C-alpha atoms as a PDB file:
ATOM      1  CA  MET A   1      23.775  16.612  -7.585  1.00  0.00           C
ATOM      2  CA  ARG A   2      22.277  18.823  -5.019  1.00  0.00           C
ATOM      3  CA  ARG A   3      24.690  20.795  -2.188  1.00  0.00           C
ATOM      4  CA  TRP A   4      23.261  19.459   0.440  1.00  0.00           C
ATOM      5  CA  GLU A   5      23.230  15.675  -1.026  1.00  0.00           C
ATOM      6  CA  ILE A   6      27.117  16.397  -1.157  1.00  0.00           C
ATOM      7  CA  ILE A   7      27.151  17.755   2.489  1.00  0.00           C
ATOM      8  CA  TRP A   8      25.466  14.585   3.866  1.00  0.00           C
ATOM      9  CA  LEU A   9      27.918  12.173   1.783  1.00  0.00           C
ATOM     10  CA  ARG A  10      31.092  13.931   2.944  1.00  0.00           C
ATOM     11  CA  ARG A  11      29.547  13.364   6.497  1.00  0.00           C
ATOM     12  CA  GLN A  12      28.989   9.789   6.102  1.00  0.00           C
ATOM     13  CA  LYS A  13      32.477   8.899   4.555  1.00  0.00           C
ATOM     14  CA  GLY A  14      33.225  11.087   7.303  1.00  0.00           C
ATOM     15  CA  HIS A  15      35.345  14.082   5.922  1.00  0.00           C
ATOM     16  CA  THR A  16      33.288  16.987   7.056  1.00  0.00           C
ATOM     17  CA  ALA A  17      34.339  18.827  10.281  1.00  0.00           C
ATOM     18  CA  PRO A  18      31.566  19.583  12.951  1.00  0.00           C
ATOM     19  CA  LEU A  19      30.790  22.804  11.960  1.00  0.00           C
ATOM     20  CA  GLN A  20      30.448  21.931   8.318  1.00  0.00           C
ATOM     21  CA  ARG A  21      28.099  19.352   9.292  1.00  0.00           C
ATOM     22  CA  THR A  22      26.148  21.589  11.434  1.00  0.00           C
ATOM     23  CA  GLN A  23      25.826  24.148   8.309  1.00  0.00           C
ATOM     24  CA  GLY A  24      25.189  20.918   6.227  1.00  0.00           C
ATOM     25  CA  ILE A  25      21.828  20.188   8.208  1.00  0.00           C
ATOM     26  CA  PHE A  26      20.714  23.801   8.486  1.00  0.00           C
ATOM     27  CA  HIS A  27      20.997  23.603   4.711  1.00  0.00           C
ATOM     28  CA  LEU A  28      19.445  20.571   4.456  1.00  0.00           C
ATOM     29  CA  ALA A  29      16.265  21.558   7.213  1.00  0.00           C
ATOM     30  CA  THR A  30      16.001  24.556   4.691  1.00  0.00           C
ATOM     31  CA  PHE A  31      15.328  21.886   2.365  1.00  0.00           C
ATOM     32  CA  LEU A  32      13.046  19.960   3.814  1.00  0.00           C
ATOM     33  CA  ASN A  33      10.359  22.874   4.163  1.00  0.00           C
ATOM     34  CA  GLY A  34      11.286  25.243   1.658  1.00  0.00           C
ATOM     35  CA  THR A  35      12.390  27.763   4.187  1.00  0.00           C
ATOM     36  CA  ASN A  36      14.249  30.828   2.964  1.00  0.00           C
ATOM     37  CA  VAL A  37      15.439  33.035   5.802  1.00  0.00           C
ATOM     38  CA  ASP A  38      16.404  36.632   5.096  1.00  0.00           C
ATOM     39  CA  SER A  39      19.360  37.802   6.386  1.00  0.00           C
ATOM     40  CA  SER A  40      18.094  41.978   6.573  1.00  0.00           C
ATOM     41  CA  GLY A  41      15.689  40.806   9.259  1.00  0.00           C
ATOM     42  CA  ALA A  42      17.080  39.493  12.313  1.00  0.00           C
ATOM     43  CA  ALA A  43      13.543  38.986  13.931  1.00  0.00           C
ATOM     44  CA  GLU A  44      12.441  36.913  11.179  1.00  0.00           C
ATOM     45  CA  GLN A  45      15.834  35.120  11.264  1.00  0.00           C
ATOM     46  CA  GLY A  46      15.029  34.050  15.037  1.00  0.00           C
ATOM     47  CA  MET A  47      11.834  32.775  14.794  1.00  0.00           C
ATOM     48  CA  ALA A  48      13.430  30.879  11.228  1.00  0.00           C
ATOM     49  CA  LEU A  49      16.168  29.344  13.343  1.00  0.00           C
ATOM     50  CA  SER A  50      14.208  28.375  16.242  1.00  0.00           C
ATOM     51  CA  ARG A  51      11.847  26.279  13.720  1.00  0.00           C
ATOM     52  CA  LEU A  52      14.537  25.250  12.286  1.00  0.00           C
ATOM     53  CA  LEU A  53      16.062  23.780  14.815  1.00  0.00           C
ATOM     54  CA  LEU A  54      13.401  21.285  15.329  1.00  0.00           C
ATOM     55  CA  LEU A  55      14.110  20.394  11.532  1.00  0.00           C
ATOM     56  CA  CYS A  56      17.739  19.958  12.287  1.00  0.00           C
ATOM     57  CA  VAL A  57      16.684  17.313  14.292  1.00  0.00           C
ATOM     58  CA  VAL A  58      14.218  15.588  12.188  1.00  0.00           C
ATOM     59  CA  ALA A  59      16.874  15.944   9.045  1.00  0.00           C
ATOM     60  CA  SER A  60      19.485  14.480  11.340  1.00  0.00           C
ATOM     61  CA  LYS A  61      16.465  11.228  11.709  1.00  0.00           C
ATOM     62  CA  VAL A  62      15.339  11.334   8.225  1.00  0.00           C
ATOM     63  CA  TRP A  63      18.987  10.713   6.956  1.00  0.00           C
ATOM     64  CA  ASP A  64      19.909   8.052   9.738  1.00  0.00           C
ATOM     65  CA  ALA A  65      16.863   6.292   8.145  1.00  0.00           C
ATOM     66  CA  GLU A  66      18.979   5.493   4.729  1.00  0.00           C
ATOM     67  CA  THR A  67      20.832   2.723   6.769  1.00  0.00           C
ATOM     68  CA  LYS A  68      18.632   2.597  10.024  1.00  0.00           C
ATOM     69  CA  PRO A  69      15.115   3.149   9.179  1.00  0.00           C
ATOM     70  CA  VAL A  70      13.731   1.900  11.798  1.00  0.00           C
ATOM     71  CA  GLU A  71      15.063   5.058  13.676  1.00  0.00           C
ATOM     72  CA  PHE A  72      12.447   7.407  11.610  1.00  0.00           C
ATOM     73  CA  VAL A  73       9.549   4.441  11.372  1.00  0.00           C
ATOM     74  CA  CYS A  74       9.510   5.066  15.183  1.00  0.00           C
ATOM     75  CA  ASN A  75       9.580   8.782  15.718  1.00  0.00           C
ATOM     76  CA  LYS A  76       6.512   9.863  15.523  1.00  0.00           C
ATOM     77  CA  SER A  77       7.339  13.467  16.696  1.00  0.00           C
ATOM     78  CA  ALA A  78       9.717  13.664  13.200  1.00  0.00           C
ATOM     79  CA  ARG A  79       6.797  12.472  10.999  1.00  0.00           C
ATOM     80  CA  ARG A  80       4.845  15.287  12.809  1.00  0.00           C
ATOM     81  CA  ALA A  81       7.214  17.715  12.118  1.00  0.00           C
ATOM     82  CA  LEU A  82       7.772  16.728   8.264  1.00  0.00           C
ATOM     83  CA  ASN A  83       3.794  17.332   7.531  1.00  0.00           C
ATOM     84  CA  ILE A  84       3.717  21.464   6.087  1.00  0.00           C
ATOM     85  CA  VAL A  85       0.645  21.221   5.169  1.00  0.00           C
ATOM     86  CA  ALA A  86      -1.341  22.918   8.032  1.00  0.00           C
ATOM     87  CA  GLU A  87       2.099  25.643   7.589  1.00  0.00           C
ATOM     88  CA  VAL A  88       1.344  25.716   3.958  1.00  0.00           C
ATOM     89  CA  GLU A  89      -2.492  26.208   4.167  1.00  0.00           C
ATOM     90  CA  ALA A  90      -2.192  28.771   6.818  1.00  0.00           C
ATOM     91  CA  ALA A  91       0.443  30.929   4.633  1.00  0.00           C
ATOM     92  CA  LEU A  92      -2.171  30.269   1.958  1.00  0.00           C
ATOM     93  CA  SER A  93      -5.055  32.303   3.951  1.00  0.00           C
ATOM     94  CA  ASN A  94      -2.696  35.484   3.531  1.00  0.00           C
ATOM     95  CA  CYS A  95      -1.897  34.791   0.158  1.00  0.00           C
ATOM     96  CA  SER A  96      -3.138  37.834  -1.969  1.00  0.00           C
ATOM     97  CA  GLY A  97      -5.272  37.318  -5.442  1.00  0.00           C
ATOM     98  CA  SER A  98      -6.611  34.081  -6.358  1.00  0.00           C
ATOM     99  CA  THR A  99      -5.039  30.689  -5.187  1.00  0.00           C
ATOM    100  CA  THR A 100      -6.252  29.068  -8.684  1.00  0.00           C
ATOM    101  CA  LEU A 101      -3.562  27.088 -10.336  1.00  0.00           C
ATOM    102  CA  SER A 102      -2.489  27.920 -14.024  1.00  0.00           C
ATOM    103  CA  THR A 103      -3.527  24.274 -14.828  1.00  0.00           C
ATOM    104  CA  LEU A 104      -4.977  21.305 -13.555  1.00  0.00           C
ATOM    105  CA  VAL A 105      -2.933  18.885 -11.089  1.00  0.00           C
ATOM    106  CA  GLN A 106      -3.586  15.215 -10.490  1.00  0.00           C
ATOM    107  CA  LEU A 107      -4.997  14.288  -7.162  1.00  0.00           C
ATOM    108  CA  PRO A 108      -3.164  11.358  -5.313  1.00  0.00           C
ATOM    109  CA  CYS A 109      -4.739   8.267  -4.489  1.00  0.00           C
ATOM    110  CA  THR A 110      -6.398   8.611  -1.106  1.00  0.00           C
ATOM    111  CA  GLU A 111      -9.179   6.590  -0.573  1.00  0.00           C
ATOM    112  CA  LEU A 112      -8.420   3.798   1.446  1.00  0.00           C
ATOM    113  CA  ASN A 113     -10.598   0.324   2.118  1.00  0.00           C
ATOM    114  CA  VAL A 114      -9.002  -1.017   5.408  1.00  0.00           C
ATOM    115  CA  ALA A 115      -9.241  -4.777   4.232  1.00  0.00           C
ATOM    116  CA  SER A 116      -7.839  -4.401   1.138  1.00  0.00           C
ATOM    117  CA  TRP A 117      -4.639  -2.425   2.652  1.00  0.00           C
ATOM    118  CA  GLU A 118      -4.068  -4.974   5.211  1.00  0.00           C
ATOM    119  CA  ASN A 119      -3.932  -7.500   2.420  1.00  0.00           C
ATOM    120  CA  LYS A 120      -1.483  -5.599   0.798  1.00  0.00           C
ATOM    121  CA  SER A 121       2.361  -6.111   1.235  1.00  0.00           C
ATOM    122  CA  HIS A 122       4.665  -3.332   2.480  1.00  0.00           C
ATOM    123  CA  GLN A 123       6.226  -3.250  -0.833  1.00  0.00           C
ATOM    124  CA  GLU A 124       3.141  -3.013  -2.258  1.00  0.00           C
ATOM    125  CA  LYS A 125       1.726  -0.289   0.502  1.00  0.00           C
ATOM    126  CA  ARG A 126       4.947   1.717  -0.529  1.00  0.00           C
ATOM    127  CA  GLY A 127       4.655   1.455  -4.015  1.00  0.00           C
ATOM    128  CA  ASP A 128       1.012   2.582  -4.048  1.00  0.00           C
ATOM    129  CA  ILE A 129       2.260   5.612  -1.625  1.00  0.00           C
ATOM    130  CA  VAL A 130       5.231   6.421  -4.070  1.00  0.00           C
ATOM    131  CA  ALA A 131       3.086   6.101  -7.142  1.00  0.00           C
ATOM    132  CA  SER A 132       0.882   8.964  -5.689  1.00  0.00           C
ATOM    133  CA  LEU A 133       3.531  11.123  -4.495  1.00  0.00           C
ATOM    134  CA  ARG A 134       5.157  11.098  -7.785  1.00  0.00           C
ATOM    135  CA  LEU A 135       1.996  11.799  -9.688  1.00  0.00           C
ATOM    136  CA  LEU A 136       1.343  14.754  -7.344  1.00  0.00           C
ATOM    137  CA  VAL A 137       4.886  16.253  -7.599  1.00  0.00           C
ATOM    138  CA  GLU A 138       4.852  16.328 -11.439  1.00  0.00           C
ATOM    139  CA  GLY A 139       1.842  18.188 -11.425  1.00  0.00           C
ATOM    140  CA  VAL A 140       3.196  20.428  -8.816  1.00  0.00           C
ATOM    141  CA  GLU A 141       6.719  20.910 -10.865  1.00  0.00           C
ATOM    142  CA  VAL A 142       4.679  21.650 -14.048  1.00  0.00           C
ATOM    143  CA  VAL A 143       2.296  24.349 -12.572  1.00  0.00           C
ATOM    144  CA  ARG A 144       5.180  26.059 -10.211  1.00  0.00           C
ATOM    145  CA  ALA A 145       7.203  26.660 -13.665  1.00  0.00           C
ATOM    146  CA  GLN A 146       4.359  28.534 -14.777  1.00  0.00           C
ATOM    147  CA  SER A 147       5.169  31.937 -13.429  1.00  0.00           C
ATOM    148  CA  GLN A 148       2.245  31.848 -10.593  1.00  0.00           C
ATOM    149  CA  PRO A 149       1.970  34.454  -8.397  1.00  0.00           C
ATOM    150  CA  GLY A 150       4.749  35.042  -5.944  1.00  0.00           C
ATOM    151  CA  CYS A 151       3.232  34.115  -3.224  1.00  0.00           C
ATOM    152  CA  ALA A 152       1.461  30.643  -4.567  1.00  0.00           C
ATOM    153  CA  ALA A 153       4.919  30.115  -6.328  1.00  0.00           C
ATOM    154  CA  SER A 154       6.812  30.335  -2.957  1.00  0.00           C
ATOM    155  CA  LEU A 155       4.052  27.828  -1.373  1.00  0.00           C
ATOM    156  CA  LEU A 156       4.199  25.377  -4.504  1.00  0.00           C
ATOM    157  CA  GLN A 157       8.389  25.418  -3.868  1.00  0.00           C
ATOM    158  CA  ARG A 158       7.708  23.891  -0.333  1.00  0.00           C
ATOM    159  CA  LEU A 159       5.076  21.692  -1.093  1.00  0.00           C
ATOM    160  CA  GLU A 160       7.523  20.331  -4.065  1.00  0.00           C
ATOM    161  CA  ASN A 161      10.127  20.013  -1.548  1.00  0.00           C
ATOM    162  CA  ASN A 162       8.236  18.237   1.058  1.00  0.00           C
ATOM    163  CA  ILE A 163       6.854  15.589  -1.445  1.00  0.00           C
ATOM    164  CA  ASN A 164      10.054  15.075  -2.598  1.00  0.00           C
ATOM    165  CA  ASN A 165      11.556  14.708   1.118  1.00  0.00           C
ATOM    166  CA  TYR A 166       8.680  11.983   1.700  1.00  0.00           C
ATOM    167  CA  LEU A 167       9.803  10.124  -1.801  1.00  0.00           C
ATOM    168  CA  LEU A 168      13.349   9.772  -0.468  1.00  0.00           C
ATOM    169  CA  ILE A 169      11.986   8.422   2.971  1.00  0.00           C
ATOM    170  CA  LEU A 170      10.055   5.983   1.213  1.00  0.00           C
ATOM    171  CA  ARG A 171      12.716   5.080  -1.419  1.00  0.00           C
ATOM    172  CA  HIS A 172      15.454   4.710   1.542  1.00  0.00           C
ATOM    173  CA  LEU A 173      13.065   2.226   3.816  1.00  0.00           C
ATOM    174  CA  GLN A 174      14.463  -1.374   3.900  1.00  0.00           C
ATOM    175  CA  LEU A 175      10.815  -3.419   3.521  1.00  0.00           C
ATOM    176  CA  ASN A 176      11.074  -7.714   3.544  1.00  0.00           C
ATOM    177  CA  GLY A 177       9.394  -9.037   0.278  1.00  0.00           C
ATOM    178  CA  PRO A 178      10.383  -8.481  -3.491  1.00  0.00           C
ATOM    179  CA  ALA A 179      10.469  -4.801  -4.702  1.00  0.00           C
ATOM    180  CA  VAL A 180       7.009  -3.773  -6.082  1.00  0.00           C
ATOM    181  CA  SER A 181       7.038  -1.296  -8.938  1.00  0.00           C
ATOM    182  CA  PRO A 182       4.727   1.731  -8.122  1.00  0.00           C
ATOM    183  CA  THR A 183       1.169   1.532  -9.354  1.00  0.00           C
ATOM    184  CA  LEU A 184      -1.581   3.995  -8.426  1.00  0.00           C
ATOM    185  CA  SER A 185      -4.467   1.953  -7.253  1.00  0.00           C
ATOM    186  CA  CYS A 186      -7.547   4.378  -8.585  1.00  0.00           C
ATOM    187  CA  VAL A 187      -7.819   6.903 -11.813  1.00  0.00           C
ATOM    188  CA  PRO A 188      -6.857  10.014 -10.523  1.00  0.00           C
ATOM    189  CA  ARG A 189      -9.252  12.982 -10.387  1.00  0.00           C
ATOM    190  CA  SER A 190      -7.650  16.826 -11.396  1.00  0.00           C
ATOM    191  CA  THR A 191      -8.347  19.942  -9.878  1.00  0.00           C
ATOM    192  CA  GLN A 192      -6.774  23.667 -10.384  1.00  0.00           C
ATOM    193  CA  SER A 193      -7.236  24.616  -6.628  1.00  0.00           C
ATOM    194  CA  LEU A 194      -4.633  24.980  -4.337  1.00  0.00           C
ATOM    195  CA  SER A 195      -6.401  23.960  -1.763  1.00  0.00           C
ATOM    196  CA  THR A 196      -7.766  20.895  -2.817  1.00  0.00           C
ATOM    197  CA  VAL A 197      -4.153  19.671  -3.421  1.00  0.00           C
ATOM    198  CA  LEU A 198      -3.394  20.542  -0.278  1.00  0.00           C
ATOM    199  CA  MET A 199      -6.422  18.525   1.266  1.00  0.00           C
ATOM    200  CA  ASN A 200      -5.401  15.549  -0.324  1.00  0.00           C
ATOM    201  CA  TYR A 201      -1.906  15.547  -0.037  1.00  0.00           C
ATOM    202  CA  ASN A 202      -2.341  15.821   3.571  1.00  0.00           C
ATOM    203  CA  GLN A 203      -4.995  13.079   3.366  1.00  0.00           C
ATOM    204  CA  LEU A 204      -2.013  10.506   1.586  1.00  0.00           C
ATOM    205  CA  VAL A 205       0.757  11.701   4.153  1.00  0.00           C
ATOM    206  CA  SER A 206      -1.842  10.617   7.502  1.00  0.00           C
ATOM    207  CA  GLY A 207      -3.664   8.321   5.943  1.00  0.00           C
ATOM    208  CA  LYS A 208      -1.895   5.688   3.973  1.00  0.00           C
ATOM    209  CA  LEU A 209       1.775   6.680   4.805  1.00  0.00           C
ATOM    210  CA  GLU A 210       1.044   6.970   8.571  1.00  0.00           C
ATOM    211  CA  ARG A 211      -0.551   3.505   8.587  1.00  0.00           C
ATOM    212  CA  LEU A 212       2.331   2.128   6.700  1.00  0.00           C
ATOM    213  CA  MET A 213       4.738   3.651   9.453  1.00  0.00           C
ATOM    214  CA  VAL A 214       2.398   2.135  11.821  1.00  0.00           C
ATOM    215  CA  ASP A 215       2.824  -1.223  10.258  1.00  0.00           C
ATOM    216  CA  LEU A 216       6.375  -0.813  10.653  1.00  0.00           C
ATOM    217  CA  GLU A 217       6.471  -0.158  14.196  1.00  0.00           C
ATOM    218  CA  GLY A 218       7.352  -3.431  15.035  1.00  0.00           C
ATOM    219  CA  ARG A 219      10.881  -2.962  14.823  1.00  0.00           C
ATOM    220  CA  CYS A 220      11.150  -0.696  17.288  1.00  0.00           C
ATOM    221  CA  THR A 221      12.664  -1.518  20.723  1.00  0.00           C
ATOM    222  CA  SER A 222      11.238   0.274  23.920  1.00  0.00           C
END
Protein backbone atom coordinates (compact mmCIF):
# COMPACT_ATOMS: atom_id res chain seq x y z
CA MET A 1 0.00 0.00 0.00
CA ARG A 2 1.40 3.44 -0.94
CA ARG A 3 2.13 6.00 1.77
CA TRP A 4 -0.58 8.40 0.63
CA GLU A 5 -3.15 5.60 0.77
CA ILE A 6 -2.22 4.87 4.38
CA ILE A 7 -2.44 8.57 5.25
CA TRP A 8 -5.89 8.82 3.68
CA LEU A 9 -7.16 5.68 5.43
CA ARG A 10 -6.07 7.04 8.79
CA ARG A 11 -7.78 10.30 7.96
CA GLN A 12 -11.03 8.49 7.21
CA LYS A 13 -10.82 6.65 10.53
CA GLY A 14 -10.18 9.86 12.44
CA HIS A 15 -6.67 8.87 13.51
CA THR A 16 -4.79 11.68 11.77
CA ALA A 17 -3.91 14.95 13.45
CA PRO A 18 -4.64 18.22 11.58
CA LEU A 19 -0.95 18.75 10.71
CA GLN A 20 -0.62 15.18 9.48
CA ARG A 21 -3.71 15.62 7.33
CA THR A 22 -2.19 18.72 5.75
CA GLN A 23 1.04 16.87 5.04
CA GLY A 24 -0.91 13.93 3.68
CA ILE A 25 -2.84 16.11 1.25
CA PHE A 26 0.42 17.77 0.18
CA HIS A 27 1.98 14.37 -0.63
CA LEU A 28 -1.19 13.23 -2.38
CA ALA A 29 -1.22 16.40 -4.48
CA THR A 30 2.37 15.67 -5.43
CA PHE A 31 1.36 12.14 -6.46
CA LEU A 32 -1.58 13.34 -8.54
CA ASN A 33 0.57 15.39 -10.85
CA GLY A 34 3.92 13.67 -10.42
CA THR A 35 5.49 16.87 -9.10
CA ASN A 36 8.86 16.70 -7.36
CA VAL A 37 9.77 19.72 -5.20
CA ASP A 38 13.54 20.25 -4.83
CA SER A 39 14.31 21.42 -1.28
CA SER A 40 17.48 23.14 -2.53
CA GLY A 41 15.62 25.72 -4.62
CA ALA A 42 13.53 28.12 -2.54
CA ALA A 43 12.11 29.94 -5.55
CA GLU A 44 11.20 26.69 -7.26
CA GLN A 45 9.58 25.49 -4.05
CA GLY A 46 7.46 28.63 -3.90
CA MET A 47 6.20 28.16 -7.44
CA ALA A 48 5.56 24.47 -6.91
CA LEU A 49 3.76 25.15 -3.63
CA SER A 50 1.46 27.73 -5.21
CA ARG A 51 0.41 25.15 -7.79
CA LEU A 52 0.07 22.44 -5.18
CA LEU A 53 -2.23 24.59 -3.02
CA LEU A 54 -4.84 24.28 -5.75
CA LEU A 55 -4.09 20.60 -6.13
CA CYS A 56 -4.58 20.11 -2.38
CA VAL A 57 -8.18 21.21 -2.84
CA VAL A 58 -8.49 18.96 -5.87
CA ALA A 59 -7.01 16.05 -3.94
CA SER A 60 -9.56 16.49 -1.16
CA LYS A 61 -12.38 16.48 -3.69
CA VAL A 62 -11.02 13.34 -5.36
CA TRP A 63 -10.94 11.43 -2.11
CA ASP A 64 -14.29 12.79 -0.93
CA ALA A 65 -15.62 11.44 -4.22
CA GLU A 66 -15.17 7.92 -2.85
CA THR A 67 -18.02 8.49 -0.40
CA LYS A 68 -19.67 11.46 -2.10
CA PRO A 69 -18.99 11.07 -5.83
CA VAL A 70 -21.38 13.90 -6.69
CA GLU A 71 -18.87 16.36 -5.24
CA PHE A 72 -16.28 15.47 -7.86
CA VAL A 73 -18.82 15.24 -10.66
CA CYS A 74 -20.04 18.74 -9.87
CA ASN A 75 -16.60 20.31 -9.56
CA LYS A 76 -15.58 21.39 -13.05
CA SER A 77 -12.56 23.24 -11.70
CA ALA A 78 -11.28 20.02 -10.17
CA ARG A 79 -11.73 18.21 -13.47
CA ARG A 80 -9.83 20.90 -15.34
CA ALA A 81 -7.01 20.91 -12.78
CA LEU A 82 -6.61 17.15 -13.00
CA ASN A 83 -5.99 17.29 -16.75
CA ILE A 84 -2.22 17.89 -16.94
CA VAL A 85 -1.85 17.30 -20.69
CA ALA A 86 -1.25 20.98 -21.52
CA GLU A 87 1.48 21.19 -18.86
CA VAL A 88 3.17 18.01 -20.06
CA GLU A 89 3.01 19.17 -23.69
CA ALA A 90 4.65 22.47 -22.69
CA ALA A 91 7.38 20.60 -20.82
CA LEU A 92 7.81 18.25 -23.77
CA SER A 93 8.66 21.18 -26.04
CA ASN A 94 11.61 21.93 -23.76
CA CYS A 95 12.94 18.38 -23.74
CA SER A 96 16.30 17.98 -25.38
CA GLY A 97 16.79 15.09 -27.75
CA SER A 98 14.22 12.84 -29.34
CA THR A 99 10.80 12.32 -27.78
CA THR A 100 10.25 9.17 -29.82
CA LEU A 101 9.46 6.33 -27.44
CA SER A 102 11.53 3.16 -27.37
CA THR A 103 8.54 0.94 -28.04
CA LEU A 104 5.00 1.19 -29.34
CA VAL A 105 2.23 2.38 -27.03
CA GLN A 106 -1.36 1.45 -27.78
CA LEU A 107 -3.68 4.44 -27.98
CA PRO A 108 -7.05 4.78 -26.22
CA CYS A 109 -10.36 4.61 -28.06
CA THR A 110 -11.27 8.27 -28.49
CA GLU A 111 -13.68 8.21 -31.44
CA LEU A 112 -17.13 9.21 -30.31
CA ASN A 113 -20.37 8.53 -32.16
CA VAL A 114 -22.74 10.78 -30.23
CA ALA A 115 -25.90 8.78 -30.97
CA SER A 116 -24.26 5.49 -30.02
CA TRP A 117 -22.68 7.01 -26.93
CA GLU A 118 -25.96 8.41 -25.65
CA ASN A 119 -27.55 4.96 -25.93
CA LYS A 120 -25.00 3.49 -23.54
CA SER A 121 -25.73 3.15 -19.82
CA HIS A 122 -23.51 5.01 -17.36
CA GLN A 123 -21.91 1.70 -16.45
CA GLU A 124 -21.13 0.99 -20.11
CA LYS A 125 -19.65 4.45 -20.58
CA ARG A 126 -17.44 4.02 -17.56
CA GLY A 127 -16.35 0.58 -18.80
CA ASP A 128 -15.45 2.04 -22.18
CA ILE A 129 -13.30 4.79 -20.62
CA VAL A 130 -11.68 2.51 -18.03
CA ALA A 131 -10.66 0.00 -20.70
CA SER A 132 -8.92 2.73 -22.69
CA LEU A 133 -7.19 4.20 -19.65
CA ARG A 134 -5.93 0.76 -18.59
CA LEU A 135 -4.60 0.09 -22.08
CA LEU A 136 -2.78 3.40 -22.13
CA VAL A 137 -1.27 3.21 -18.64
CA GLU A 138 0.01 -0.32 -19.27
CA GLY A 139 1.84 0.91 -22.35
CA VAL A 140 3.26 3.93 -20.52
CA GLU A 141 4.49 1.71 -17.68
CA VAL A 142 6.36 -0.53 -20.12
CA VAL A 143 8.02 2.37 -21.91
CA ARG A 144 8.98 4.14 -18.67
CA ALA A 145 10.68 0.99 -17.42
CA GLN A 146 12.96 0.95 -20.46
CA SER A 147 15.39 3.67 -19.40
CA GLN A 148 14.12 6.65 -21.34
CA PRO A 149 16.17 9.88 -21.34
CA GLY A 150 15.72 11.94 -18.17
CA CYS A 151 13.23 14.47 -19.48
CA ALA A 152 11.00 11.91 -21.16
CA ALA A 153 11.15 9.63 -18.12
CA SER A 154 9.91 12.43 -15.88
CA LEU A 155 7.03 13.23 -18.21
CA LEU A 156 6.06 9.57 -18.51
CA GLN A 157 5.99 9.28 -14.73
CA ARG A 158 3.67 12.27 -14.46
CA LEU A 159 1.48 10.86 -17.19
CA GLU A 160 1.30 7.45 -15.51
CA ASN A 161 0.35 9.03 -12.18
CA ASN A 162 -2.34 11.13 -13.83
CA ILE A 163 -3.92 8.20 -15.67
CA ASN A 164 -3.99 6.14 -12.48
CA ASN A 165 -5.71 9.01 -10.71
CA TYR A 166 -8.52 9.04 -13.27
CA LEU A 167 -8.87 5.29 -12.92
CA LEU A 168 -9.16 5.73 -9.17
CA ILE A 169 -11.91 8.30 -9.56
CA LEU A 170 -13.89 6.20 -12.02
CA ARG A 171 -13.62 3.12 -9.83
CA HIS A 172 -15.19 4.97 -6.90
CA LEU A 173 -18.08 6.50 -8.84
CA GLN A 174 -21.39 5.11 -7.61
CA LEU A 175 -23.50 4.35 -10.69
CA ASN A 176 -26.94 2.83 -11.09
CA GLY A 177 -27.47 -0.42 -12.95
CA PRO A 178 -25.54 -3.66 -13.20
CA ALA A 179 -21.76 -3.48 -13.34
CA VAL A 180 -20.17 -3.83 -16.77
CA SER A 181 -16.73 -5.25 -17.49
CA PRO A 182 -14.42 -2.68 -19.12
CA THR A 183 -14.39 -3.28 -22.88
CA LEU A 184 -12.55 -1.46 -25.64
CA SER A 185 -14.80 0.10 -28.26
CA CYS A 186 -12.20 0.04 -31.03
CA VAL A 187 -9.22 -1.82 -32.38
CA PRO A 188 -6.43 0.27 -30.80
CA ARG A 189 -3.78 1.93 -32.91
CA SER A 190 -0.16 2.22 -31.76
CA THR A 191 2.46 4.95 -31.82
CA GLN A 192 6.00 5.70 -30.69
CA SER A 193 5.33 9.43 -30.53
CA LEU A 194 4.86 10.85 -27.02
CA SER A 195 3.12 13.86 -28.57
CA THR A 196 0.55 11.55 -30.19
CA VAL A 197 0.04 9.71 -26.90
CA LEU A 198 -0.66 13.01 -25.13
CA MET A 199 -3.01 14.20 -27.85
CA ASN A 200 -5.09 11.02 -27.73
CA TYR A 201 -5.13 10.98 -23.94
CA ASN A 202 -6.43 14.56 -23.93
CA GLN A 203 -9.11 13.62 -26.44
CA LEU A 204 -10.28 10.81 -24.16
CA VAL A 205 -10.34 13.00 -21.04
CA SER A 206 -12.00 16.01 -22.67
CA GLY A 207 -14.30 13.85 -24.80
CA LYS A 208 -15.78 10.65 -23.39
CA LEU A 209 -14.77 11.24 -19.78
CA GLU A 210 -16.10 14.79 -19.70
CA ARG A 211 -19.34 13.71 -21.36
CA LEU A 212 -19.84 11.09 -18.64
CA MET A 213 -19.32 13.72 -15.97
CA VAL A 214 -21.82 16.01 -17.67
CA ASP A 215 -24.30 13.11 -17.81
CA LEU A 216 -23.99 12.77 -14.06
CA GLU A 217 -24.39 16.48 -13.31
CA GLY A 218 -28.09 15.87 -12.80
CA ARG A 219 -27.15 14.73 -9.31
CA CYS A 220 -25.75 18.16 -8.50
CA THR A 221 -27.47 20.66 -6.31
CA SER A 222 -27.31 24.38 -6.92
